[in-house]
């Protein structure tokens, strides 16, 4: 149960916290510039946290960062200040175009991070499949030596073997598997 909570925090809580912190930091910086200089088009400063989150955590947290950035920009940067309503239709168009630009870009950049995660997961699945195949071969050999040719008949023995690995089972793992490289 503890590893499930750890996975959940690694995959959801950490990206949300990092995205929130980056958007808040960017909002503070952009709001300072906006209040002192009254400059326009500051929404493009939100490209930085969106890109960082997309590269580090993938496309789903990046989309959440885009939505948070749009809401912060609408609330803080467009008049009337500190309101979600936007008075100028040109600024509504700017916010819309920013969203239309950044959503596909975040999906594209986040796709690279998602691909890397999927490749790591595939390596783990291949290792697990190889262990299952080795255990299945061991069960088949044990079943045929006892006179029972059914693989399912030796399943309880396989579970016992998988749950308490012996020294010979640990030694059968090749050096390439220990390095994380799986060769079929």
Protein backbone atom coordinates (compact mmCIF):
# COMPACT_ATOMS: atom_id res chain seq x y z
CA UNK A 1 0.00 0.00 0.00
CA UNK A 2 2.88 2.33 0.75
CA UNK A 3 4.31 1.96 -2.77
CA UNK A 4 0.89 2.80 -4.25
CA UNK A 5 0.82 6.07 -2.35
CA UNK A 6 4.39 6.77 -3.42
CA UNK A 7 3.48 6.18 -7.07
CA UNK A 8 0.44 8.43 -6.75
CA UNK A 9 2.47 11.23 -5.23
CA UNK A 10 5.21 10.89 -7.82
CA UNK A 11 2.80 10.92 -10.76
CA UNK A 12 0.19 13.44 -9.64
CA UNK A 13 0.99 15.42 -6.52
CA UNK A 14 4.55 16.40 -7.43
CA UNK A 15 3.66 17.74 -10.92
CA UNK A 16 0.73 19.71 -9.51
CA UNK A 17 2.87 21.25 -6.78
CA UNK A 18 5.67 22.13 -9.19
CA UNK A 19 3.24 23.57 -11.74
CA UNK A 20 1.49 25.62 -9.05
CA UNK A 21 4.78 26.98 -7.74
CA UNK A 22 6.04 27.87 -11.23
CA UNK A 23 2.77 29.56 -12.23
CA UNK A 24 2.70 31.52 -8.95
CA UNK A 25 6.31 32.61 -9.40
CA UNK A 26 5.68 33.64 -13.00
CA UNK A 27 2.51 35.46 -12.00
CA UNK A 28 4.41 37.41 -9.34
CA UNK A 29 7.12 38.40 -11.81
CA UNK A 30 4.71 39.28 -14.62
CA UNK A 31 2.36 41.16 -12.27
CA UNK A 32 5.27 43.25 -10.98
CA UNK A 33 6.18 44.23 -14.54
CA UNK A 34 2.52 44.89 -15.36
CA UNK A 35 1.91 47.12 -12.34
CA UNK A 36 5.10 49.15 -12.79
CA UNK A 37 5.29 49.51 -16.58
CA UNK A 38 1.70 48.80 -17.72
CA UNK A 39 3.12 46.85 -20.66
CA UNK A 40 1.05 44.51 -22.80
CA UNK A 41 1.38 40.93 -24.06
CA UNK A 42 2.89 39.71 -20.79
CA UNK A 43 0.97 36.46 -21.06
CA UNK A 44 3.83 35.03 -23.11
CA UNK A 45 5.88 34.91 -19.92
CA UNK A 46 3.77 31.87 -19.01
CA UNK A 47 5.47 29.91 -21.78
CA UNK A 48 8.38 29.23 -19.41
CA UNK A 49 6.51 27.29 -16.69
CA UNK A 50 4.40 25.47 -19.28
CA UNK A 51 7.51 24.31 -21.12
CA UNK A 52 9.29 23.27 -17.91
CA UNK A 53 6.32 21.22 -16.74
CA UNK A 54 5.84 19.65 -20.19
CA UNK A 55 9.49 18.61 -20.40
CA UNK A 56 9.69 17.28 -16.87
CA UNK A 57 6.27 15.72 -16.26
CA UNK A 58 4.59 15.18 -19.63
CA UNK A 59 1.57 16.42 -21.49
CA UNK A 60 -1.25 16.00 -18.93
CA UNK A 61 0.34 18.22 -16.24
CA UNK A 62 1.32 20.67 -18.99
CA UNK A 63 -2.31 21.06 -20.03
CA UNK A 64 -3.25 21.73 -16.41
CA UNK A 65 -0.48 24.35 -16.31
CA UNK A 66 -1.88 25.98 -19.46
CA UNK A 67 -5.31 26.24 -17.87
CA UNK A 68 -3.88 27.66 -14.63
CA UNK A 69 -1.78 30.16 -16.61
CA UNK A 70 -4.81 31.30 -18.60
CA UNK A 71 -6.83 31.82 -15.43
CA UNK A 72 -4.01 33.75 -13.73
CA UNK A 73 -3.47 35.90 -16.81
CA UNK A 74 -7.18 36.67 -17.11
CA UNK A 75 -7.43 37.57 -13.42
CA UNK A 76 -4.23 39.59 -12.97
CA UNK A 77 -3.11 40.96 -16.35
CA UNK A 78 -6.16 42.08 -18.29
CA UNK A 79 -8.32 45.06 -17.28
CA UNK A 80 -10.45 45.29 -15.26
CA UNK A 81 -7.74 44.20 -12.85
CA UNK A 82 -8.40 41.39 -10.38
CA UNK A 83 -11.43 40.11 -12.24
CA UNK A 84 -11.97 37.23 -14.64
CA UNK A 85 -13.95 39.43 -17.05
CA UNK A 86 -11.92 41.01 -19.84
CA UNK A 87 -13.14 44.34 -21.18
CA UNK A 88 -11.24 44.57 -24.48
CA UNK A 89 -12.18 42.05 -27.21
CA UNK A 90 -8.64 42.31 -28.58
CA UNK A 91 -7.30 41.01 -25.26
CA UNK A 92 -9.85 38.18 -25.30
CA UNK A 93 -8.48 37.26 -28.71
CA UNK A 94 -4.91 37.43 -27.38
CA UNK A 95 -5.77 35.08 -24.53
CA UNK A 96 -7.56 32.72 -26.93
CA UNK A 97 -4.69 32.69 -29.40
CA UNK A 98 -2.22 32.10 -26.61
CA UNK A 99 -4.22 29.06 -25.49
CA UNK A 100 -4.54 27.78 -29.05
CA UNK A 101 -0.78 28.17 -29.53
CA UNK A 102 0.36 26.70 -26.24
CA UNK A 103 -1.92 23.65 -25.99
CA UNK A 104 -0.52 21.84 -29.07
CA UNK A 105 3.03 22.92 -28.21
CA UNK A 106 2.69 21.54 -24.68
CA UNK A 107 1.29 18.30 -26.10
CA UNK A 108 4.20 18.03 -28.52
CA UNK A 109 6.88 18.76 -25.92
CA UNK A 110 5.14 16.64 -23.30
CA UNK A 111 5.00 13.77 -25.76
CA UNK A 112 8.77 13.42 -25.51
CA UNK A 113 8.59 13.06 -21.73
CA UNK A 114 5.68 10.61 -22.07
CA UNK A 115 7.64 8.54 -24.62
CA UNK A 116 10.62 8.35 -22.26
CA UNK A 117 8.39 7.18 -19.40
CA UNK A 118 6.75 4.58 -21.63
CA UNK A 119 10.15 3.27 -22.72
CA UNK A 120 11.21 2.85 -19.09
CA UNK A 121 7.95 1.08 -18.30
CA UNK A 122 8.41 -1.24 -21.30
CA UNK A 123 11.82 -2.29 -19.99
CA UNK A 124 10.26 -3.14 -16.63
CA UNK A 125 7.48 -5.13 -18.31
CA UNK A 126 10.01 -7.07 -20.38
CA UNK A 127 11.96 -7.96 -17.25
CA UNK A 128 8.81 -9.11 -15.47
CA UNK A 129 7.74 -11.14 -18.50
CA UNK A 130 11.15 -12.82 -18.64
CA UNK A 131 10.86 -13.76 -14.95
CA UNK A 132 7.38 -15.18 -15.54
CA UNK A 133 8.64 -17.22 -18.48
CA UNK A 134 11.55 -18.59 -16.43
CA UNK A 135 9.17 -19.48 -13.60
CA UNK A 136 6.78 -21.10 -16.06
CA UNK A 137 9.59 -23.25 -17.48
CA UNK A 138 10.55 -24.26 -13.96
CA UNK A 139 6.93 -25.19 -13.18
CA UNK A 140 6.60 -27.20 -16.36
CA UNK A 141 9.78 -29.12 -15.57
CA UNK A 142 8.56 -29.83 -12.03
CA UNK A 143 5.14 -30.95 -13.27
CA UNK A 144 6.55 -33.35 -15.85
CA UNK A 145 8.99 -34.84 -13.35
CA UNK A 146 6.12 -35.53 -10.93
CA UNK A 147 4.09 -37.18 -13.68
CA UNK A 148 1.55 -34.37 -14.07
CA UNK A 149 1.95 -32.63 -17.41
CA UNK A 150 -0.48 -29.79 -16.65
CA UNK A 151 1.20 -26.43 -16.09
CA UNK A 152 -1.67 -25.26 -13.90
CA UNK A 153 -1.17 -28.18 -11.52
CA UNK A 154 2.21 -26.81 -10.45
CA UNK A 155 0.99 -23.22 -10.03
CA UNK A 156 1.09 -23.17 -6.19
CA UNK A 157 4.74 -24.26 -6.36
CA UNK A 158 5.42 -21.44 -8.84
CA UNK A 159 3.90 -18.88 -6.50
CA UNK A 160 6.05 -20.16 -3.66
CA UNK A 161 9.12 -20.02 -5.89
CA UNK A 162 8.38 -16.47 -7.06
CA UNK A 163 7.64 -15.14 -3.58
CA UNK A 164 10.85 -16.51 -1.99
CA UNK A 165 13.63 -16.41 -4.57
CA UNK A 166 16.48 -18.78 -3.93
CA UNK A 167 20.14 -18.11 -4.52
CA UNK A 168 20.02 -20.02 -7.80
CA UNK A 169 17.08 -17.88 -8.99
CA UNK A 170 19.01 -14.72 -8.14
CA UNK A 171 22.09 -16.05 -9.91
CA UNK A 172 20.07 -16.80 -13.05
CA UNK A 173 19.51 -13.10 -13.68
CA UNK A 174 21.96 -12.14 -16.36
CA UNK A 175 24.33 -9.20 -16.17
CA UNK A 176 22.41 -7.42 -18.95
CA UNK A 177 19.19 -7.59 -16.88
CA UNK A 178 20.97 -6.12 -13.86
CA UNK A 179 22.10 -3.19 -16.00
CA UNK A 180 18.53 -2.65 -17.20
CA UNK A 181 19.06 -3.95 -20.73
CA UNK A 182 16.83 -6.78 -21.80
CA UNK A 183 17.89 -9.02 -24.64
CA UNK A 184 15.28 -11.53 -25.85
